[in-house]
Protein backbone atom coordinates (compact mmCIF):
# COMPACT_ATOMS: atom_id res chain seq x y z
CA MET A 1 -13.29 1.44 -1.50
CA LEU A 2 -10.56 2.04 -4.08
CA SER A 3 -11.52 4.11 -7.14
CA ILE A 4 -9.36 4.92 -10.16
CA GLY A 5 -10.91 7.23 -12.69
CA GLY A 6 -14.42 5.89 -13.12
CA LEU A 7 -13.49 2.41 -11.88
CA SER A 8 -14.41 1.26 -8.38
CA PHE A 9 -13.26 -1.98 -6.75
CA SER A 10 -14.97 -4.07 -4.08
CA ILE A 11 -11.73 -4.34 -2.07
CA PRO A 12 -8.68 -2.05 -2.31
CA CYS A 13 -6.51 -4.83 -3.72
CA VAL A 14 -5.66 -5.53 -7.36
CA LEU A 15 -3.75 -8.24 -9.21
CA ALA A 16 -0.47 -6.72 -10.38
CA PRO A 17 0.94 -7.11 -13.90
CA ILE A 18 3.61 -9.82 -13.78
CA SER A 19 5.81 -10.51 -16.80
CA GLY A 20 5.64 -14.15 -17.87
CA VAL A 21 2.78 -14.89 -15.48
CA SER A 22 -0.22 -12.57 -15.95
CA ASP A 23 -1.81 -14.32 -18.92
CA LEU A 24 -5.55 -14.85 -19.33
CA PRO A 25 -5.68 -18.24 -17.52
CA PHE A 26 -3.80 -16.82 -14.52
CA ARG A 27 -6.08 -13.79 -14.36
CA MET A 28 -9.22 -15.92 -14.56
CA ILE A 29 -8.07 -18.18 -11.72
CA ASN A 30 -7.44 -15.16 -9.49
CA ARG A 31 -10.70 -13.51 -10.50
CA SER A 32 -12.55 -16.69 -9.51
CA PHE A 33 -11.32 -16.09 -5.95
CA GLY A 34 -12.36 -12.45 -5.93
CA ALA A 35 -9.61 -10.38 -7.57
CA PRO A 36 -11.60 -7.26 -8.54
CA PHE A 37 -9.11 -5.98 -11.12
CA ALA A 38 -6.22 -7.42 -13.11
CA PHE A 39 -3.58 -6.39 -15.63
CA THR A 40 -2.20 -8.00 -18.73
CA GLU A 41 1.48 -8.76 -18.82
CA MET A 42 3.76 -5.80 -19.44
CA ILE A 43 3.99 -5.24 -23.20
CA ASP A 44 6.14 -2.93 -25.31
CA VAL A 45 4.33 -0.25 -27.32
CA LYS A 46 6.28 -1.38 -30.41
CA ALA A 47 4.88 -4.90 -30.04
CA VAL A 48 1.39 -3.45 -29.61
CA SER A 49 1.89 -1.40 -32.78
CA VAL A 50 2.78 -4.52 -34.77
CA PHE A 51 -0.07 -6.48 -33.13
CA ASP A 52 1.17 -9.87 -34.30
CA LYS A 53 -0.02 -13.30 -33.14
CA ARG A 54 2.09 -13.25 -29.97
CA THR A 55 0.83 -9.79 -29.02
CA LYS A 56 -2.78 -10.79 -29.63
CA ARG A 57 -2.33 -13.77 -27.31
CA MET A 58 -0.76 -11.59 -24.61
CA LEU A 59 -3.70 -9.19 -24.83
CA ALA A 60 -6.36 -11.90 -25.12
CA SER A 61 -9.32 -11.41 -22.82
CA ASN A 62 -13.00 -12.31 -22.42
CA ALA A 63 -16.21 -10.92 -20.95
CA GLU A 64 -15.40 -12.22 -17.45
CA ASP A 65 -11.91 -10.70 -17.53
CA ARG A 66 -13.06 -7.19 -16.65
CA PRO A 67 -12.22 -4.59 -15.59
CA LEU A 68 -8.82 -5.01 -17.22
CA GLY A 69 -5.68 -2.89 -17.30
CA VAL A 70 -3.02 -2.97 -20.01
CA GLN A 71 0.54 -2.19 -18.90
CA LEU A 72 2.83 -0.62 -21.50
CA LEU A 73 6.58 -0.21 -21.85
CA ALA A 74 7.77 2.87 -23.72
CA ILE A 75 11.00 4.83 -24.16
CA ASP A 76 9.34 7.96 -25.56
CA SER A 77 5.99 9.13 -26.92
CA LYS A 78 6.55 8.56 -30.65
CA ASP A 79 5.14 5.00 -30.91
CA ILE A 80 2.17 5.62 -28.64
CA ASP A 81 -0.33 6.88 -31.24
CA ARG A 82 0.09 3.76 -33.35
CA ALA A 83 -0.05 1.48 -30.31
CA LEU A 84 -3.28 3.05 -29.09
CA LYS A 85 -4.85 2.54 -32.52
CA SER A 86 -3.95 -1.15 -32.27
CA LEU A 87 -5.51 -1.28 -28.80
CA ASP A 88 -8.80 -0.23 -30.39
CA ASN A 89 -9.01 -3.92 -31.38
CA ILE A 90 -9.45 -5.02 -27.77
CA GLU A 91 -11.49 -3.98 -24.76
CA TYR A 92 -9.62 -2.57 -21.78
CA ASP A 93 -10.44 -0.22 -18.92
CA LEU A 94 -7.13 1.33 -17.86
CA LEU A 95 -3.66 2.00 -19.27
CA ASP A 96 -0.56 1.82 -17.09
CA LEU A 97 2.96 2.89 -18.00
CA ASN A 98 5.72 0.77 -16.50
CA ALA A 99 8.51 2.89 -15.02
CA ALA A 100 9.50 0.21 -12.53
CA CYS A 101 10.77 -2.91 -14.31
CA PRO A 102 14.37 -3.51 -13.12
CA THR A 103 15.40 -6.26 -15.56
CA PRO A 104 18.61 -5.50 -17.50
CA LYS A 105 17.16 -6.13 -20.97
CA VAL A 106 14.44 -3.53 -20.31
CA VAL A 107 16.61 -0.97 -18.52
CA ARG A 108 19.36 -1.16 -21.18
CA LYS A 109 16.87 0.18 -23.72
CA GLY A 110 15.95 3.15 -21.55
CA LYS A 111 12.58 1.71 -20.56
CA GLY A 112 11.04 0.59 -17.29
CA ALA A 113 12.94 1.82 -14.23
CA SER A 114 15.28 3.87 -16.45
CA LEU A 115 12.53 6.48 -16.65
CA LEU A 116 13.05 7.19 -12.94
CA LYS A 117 16.24 8.97 -14.03
CA GLU A 118 14.34 11.13 -16.51
CA PRO A 119 11.16 12.50 -14.90
CA ARG A 120 10.61 15.00 -17.75
CA LYS A 121 10.62 12.25 -20.34
CA LEU A 122 8.30 10.19 -18.13
CA LYS A 123 5.93 13.14 -17.82
CA LYS A 124 5.88 13.65 -21.60
CA ILE A 125 4.99 10.00 -22.23
CA LEU A 126 2.22 10.15 -19.63
CA GLU A 127 0.85 13.39 -21.09
CA THR A 128 0.68 11.72 -24.51
CA LEU A 129 -1.18 8.73 -23.08
CA VAL A 130 -3.63 10.93 -21.17
CA ARG A 131 -4.26 13.05 -24.25
CA HIS A 132 -4.88 10.15 -26.61
CA THR A 133 -7.00 7.71 -24.61
CA LYS A 134 -10.33 7.96 -22.84
CA ALA A 135 -9.33 5.29 -20.31
CA PRO A 136 -7.75 6.25 -16.98
CA VAL A 137 -3.95 6.39 -17.20
CA THR A 138 -1.67 5.31 -14.34
CA VAL A 139 2.05 4.76 -13.86
CA LYS A 140 4.07 2.27 -11.85
CA ILE A 141 7.31 3.53 -10.31
CA ARG A 142 9.87 2.42 -7.72
CA SER A 143 11.31 4.23 -4.74
CA GLY A 144 14.27 5.27 -6.90
CA TRP A 145 17.19 4.02 -8.96
CA ASP A 146 19.37 3.13 -5.97
CA ILE A 147 19.70 3.92 -2.29
CA ASP A 148 21.52 7.18 -3.12
CA SER A 149 18.82 8.41 -5.50
CA VAL A 150 15.48 7.77 -3.83
CA ASN A 151 13.38 10.24 -5.82
CA ALA A 152 9.94 8.63 -5.82
CA ARG A 153 8.20 11.66 -4.31
CA ASP A 154 9.51 14.02 -7.01
CA VAL A 155 8.81 11.53 -9.80
CA ALA A 156 5.30 10.94 -8.43
CA LEU A 157 4.50 14.66 -8.32
CA CYS A 158 5.75 15.02 -11.88
CA ALA A 159 3.53 12.12 -12.97
CA GLU A 160 0.51 13.53 -11.15
CA ASP A 161 1.04 16.83 -12.96
CA ALA A 162 0.77 14.93 -16.26
CA GLY A 163 -2.88 14.17 -15.46
CA ILE A 164 -2.76 10.52 -14.41
CA SER A 165 -5.59 8.99 -12.38
CA ALA A 166 -3.52 6.96 -9.89
CA LEU A 167 0.04 5.91 -9.12
CA PHE A 168 1.45 2.47 -8.35
CA ILE A 169 4.69 2.31 -6.37
CA HIS A 170 6.95 -0.62 -5.52
CA GLY A 171 8.84 0.16 -2.35
CA ARG A 172 12.26 -0.96 -3.54
CA THR A 173 14.88 0.66 -5.76
CA LYS A 174 15.78 -0.54 -9.22
CA MET A 175 19.09 -1.85 -7.88
CA GLN A 176 17.32 -3.87 -5.18
CA GLY A 177 15.13 -5.61 -7.73
CA TYR A 178 12.93 -7.87 -5.61
CA SER A 179 15.37 -8.42 -2.74
CA GLY A 180 16.04 -6.52 0.45
CA THR A 181 13.50 -4.68 2.56
CA VAL A 182 10.55 -2.61 1.40
CA ASP A 183 10.89 1.14 1.97
CA TYR A 184 7.55 1.87 3.63
CA ASP A 185 8.65 5.38 4.56
CA THR A 186 9.09 6.44 0.93
CA ILE A 187 5.70 4.99 0.01
CA LYS A 188 4.16 7.04 2.84
CA LYS A 189 5.90 10.21 1.63
CA VAL A 190 4.50 9.64 -1.85
CA LYS A 191 1.01 9.01 -0.46
CA ASP A 192 1.16 12.17 1.66
CA ALA A 193 2.32 14.26 -1.31
CA LEU A 194 -0.28 13.21 -3.89
CA LYS A 195 -3.97 13.98 -4.32
CA ILE A 196 -4.59 10.95 -6.54
CA PRO A 197 -4.84 7.35 -5.23
CA VAL A 198 -1.56 5.60 -4.42
CA ILE A 199 -1.41 1.80 -4.75
CA ALA A 200 1.54 0.15 -3.03
CA SER A 201 3.39 -3.06 -3.82
CA GLY A 202 6.25 -5.01 -2.32
CA ASP A 203 5.98 -8.09 -0.08
CA ASN A 204 2.16 -8.15 -0.14
CA VAL A 205 2.29 -11.94 0.15
CA ASN A 206 -0.41 -12.55 2.78
CA VAL A 207 -3.16 -10.75 4.68
CA SER A 208 -0.92 -9.68 7.56
CA GLN A 209 1.62 -8.12 5.19
CA VAL A 210 -1.16 -6.33 3.32
CA LYS A 211 -2.48 -4.96 6.62
CA ARG A 212 1.04 -3.85 7.50
CA MET A 213 1.32 -1.97 4.20
CA PHE A 214 -1.94 -0.11 4.82
CA ASP A 215 -1.15 0.64 8.46
CA ILE A 216 2.34 2.04 7.85
CA THR A 217 1.89 3.89 4.56
CA GLY A 218 -1.76 4.94 4.57
CA CYS A 219 -1.90 3.88 0.92
CA ASP A 220 -5.24 3.77 -0.91
CA GLY A 221 -4.74 0.27 -2.23
CA VAL A 222 -2.27 -2.56 -2.69
CA ALA A 223 -1.14 -4.57 -5.70
CA ILE A 224 -0.68 -8.31 -5.22
CA ALA A 225 2.09 -9.92 -7.28
CA ARG A 226 4.14 -12.81 -5.87
CA GLY A 227 1.53 -13.28 -3.16
CA SER A 228 -0.82 -14.68 -5.81
CA PHE A 229 1.60 -17.29 -7.20
CA GLY A 230 -0.12 -20.62 -6.55
CA ASN A 231 -2.20 -18.73 -4.01
CA PRO A 232 -5.28 -17.19 -5.67
CA TRP A 233 -7.19 -17.55 -2.39
CA ILE A 234 -5.23 -14.59 -1.09
CA PHE A 235 -8.07 -12.59 -2.63
CA SER A 236 -10.85 -14.53 -0.91
CA ASN A 237 -8.89 -14.16 2.34
CA LEU A 238 -8.61 -10.41 1.76
CA ILE A 239 -12.35 -10.15 1.08
CA GLN A 240 -12.97 -11.92 4.38
CA PHE A 241 -10.49 -9.67 6.17
CA PHE A 242 -12.05 -6.45 4.89
CA ARG A 243 -15.51 -7.78 5.75
CA ASP A 244 -14.97 -8.85 9.36
CA GLY A 245 -11.27 -8.65 10.22
CA SER A 246 -10.72 -12.40 10.26
CA VAL A 247 -8.20 -14.38 8.23
CA GLY A 248 -9.22 -17.57 6.45
CA ASP A 249 -7.34 -20.85 6.58
CA MET A 250 -5.20 -22.17 3.77
CA PRO A 251 -7.21 -24.50 1.51
CA SER A 252 -6.96 -28.26 1.75
CA VAL A 253 -4.80 -30.23 -0.65
CA SER A 254 -8.00 -31.42 -2.33
CA ILE A 255 -9.11 -27.86 -3.10
CA ARG A 256 -5.64 -26.99 -4.36
CA VAL A 257 -5.69 -29.95 -6.73
CA ASP A 258 -9.09 -28.91 -8.08
CA VAL A 259 -7.75 -25.42 -8.78
CA MET A 260 -4.59 -26.86 -10.35
CA ASN A 261 -6.64 -29.01 -12.71
CA HIS A 262 -8.79 -26.04 -13.67
CA HIS A 263 -5.73 -23.87 -14.25
CA LEU A 264 -4.09 -26.52 -16.42
CA ASN A 265 -7.25 -26.88 -18.51
CA LEU A 266 -7.41 -23.11 -19.04
CA LEU A 267 -3.77 -23.12 -20.13
CA VAL A 268 -4.42 -25.92 -22.63
CA ARG A 269 -7.33 -23.99 -24.11
CA HIS A 270 -5.23 -20.86 -24.40
CA TYR A 271 -1.90 -22.26 -25.62
CA GLY A 272 -2.36 -25.86 -26.68
CA GLU A 273 -1.17 -28.91 -24.76
CA GLN A 274 2.61 -28.74 -25.09
CA ARG A 275 3.03 -25.05 -24.34
CA ALA A 276 0.52 -25.34 -21.49
CA LEU A 277 2.55 -28.09 -19.87
CA SER A 278 5.80 -26.13 -19.95
CA ILE A 279 4.07 -23.11 -18.39
CA PHE A 280 2.34 -25.23 -15.76
CA HIS A 281 5.63 -26.60 -14.36
CA LYS A 282 6.22 -23.46 -12.28
CA PHE A 283 2.59 -23.35 -11.18
CA PHE A 284 2.75 -26.92 -9.90
CA ILE A 285 5.66 -25.88 -7.68
CA TRP A 286 3.86 -22.75 -6.49
CA TYR A 287 0.57 -24.51 -5.74
CA THR A 288 2.27 -27.23 -3.71
CA LYS A 289 4.46 -24.90 -1.67
CA GLY A 290 4.06 -25.66 2.02
CA ILE A 291 2.46 -29.07 1.49
CA PRO A 292 4.50 -31.73 3.35
CA LYS A 293 6.04 -34.65 1.45
CA THR A 294 5.71 -33.07 -2.01
CA ARG A 295 9.36 -32.47 -2.88
CA VAL A 296 9.61 -35.61 -5.03
CA LEU A 297 6.36 -34.74 -6.81
CA ARG A 298 7.65 -31.24 -7.56
CA ASP A 299 10.89 -32.62 -8.98
CA ARG A 300 8.94 -35.01 -11.20
CA ALA A 301 6.50 -32.29 -12.28
CA PHE A 302 9.33 -30.10 -13.50
CA ARG A 303 10.49 -32.91 -15.82
CA THR A 304 7.03 -33.96 -17.00
CA GLU A 305 6.47 -33.64 -20.75
CA LYS A 306 3.16 -35.49 -21.18
CA MET A 307 -0.29 -34.37 -20.13
CA ASP A 308 -1.26 -37.80 -18.80
CA ASP A 309 1.82 -37.82 -16.57
CA MET A 310 0.95 -34.39 -15.15
CA VAL A 311 -2.62 -35.52 -14.45
CA SER A 312 -1.24 -38.61 -12.70
CA LEU A 313 0.99 -36.43 -10.53
CA MET A 314 -2.02 -34.40 -9.43
CA GLU A 315 -3.87 -37.62 -8.63
CA GLU A 316 -0.94 -38.64 -6.42
CA LEU A 317 -1.09 -35.25 -4.77
CA GLN A 318 -4.79 -35.74 -4.12
CA LYS A 319 -4.06 -39.02 -2.34
CA LEU A 320 -1.89 -37.18 0.18
CA ASP A 321 -5.07 -35.51 1.40
CA GLU A 322 -7.02 -38.77 1.42
CA ARG A 323 -4.42 -40.46 3.66
CA LYS A 324 -5.02 -38.01 6.52
């Protein structure tokens, strides 16, 4: 069983924070299939300090959305006090600092993966978080900035010394982004060096890949990101795997459509109809991945601007199952 601070999880697998994806509806869908822990989207400490309407929506939660982690972006420790006071307005169970995001707009500002270049600054930010919150504090890092500066072990030891409760590591460099191969060896070196739990990410897209991550690295847990896109049953499959070693089948088209309808309804409740539709376009594509004869439906879904039309598309999708 995976434990972080005072939190214990039924399976050693958590839903990763994913920018532009990990909103409340997405988390609730994945929790309904057994995700034992989830994060909000990554959010800048300055936005948390302001705590405007957009920030409140990003941090929105409910009683079923627990335990919950909040992932923060920070360049230094000066805005953290104010941000933590704003977080007193919500309930959360863990704080994570992102030192892994590779996107140019984040890195240009000295945040995210840029902190891999400045372990002392990273340590100072983490020490401030640990000192000012009662919740467990974690950090997410990468294997390094590029192939010539793979420093995850040193960064991880520095972070552990700051008093964090666990460390998340993505087994690619900043320069790799999300392409190329995962560096399992570096993850293993980090795991072997630390006393705190190490949770690994990178290509955990199905049960066999998750098993591979555990077998090679000896990590304490895994974070599921892209593997959950249109595939919340990855968590029910993982529960089954950890229970008896078997791997469940992919759900029928009918079950997928039921989940899609539920997800769309949650989005409408959270955002309103128009915004929900624009967000759901990508989810329609993800949910239908691997289903034969759905290319035309996916193309139409991406152009759909009316709720009735989207519902009709899902009815057409349902009929594909009925024709078998």
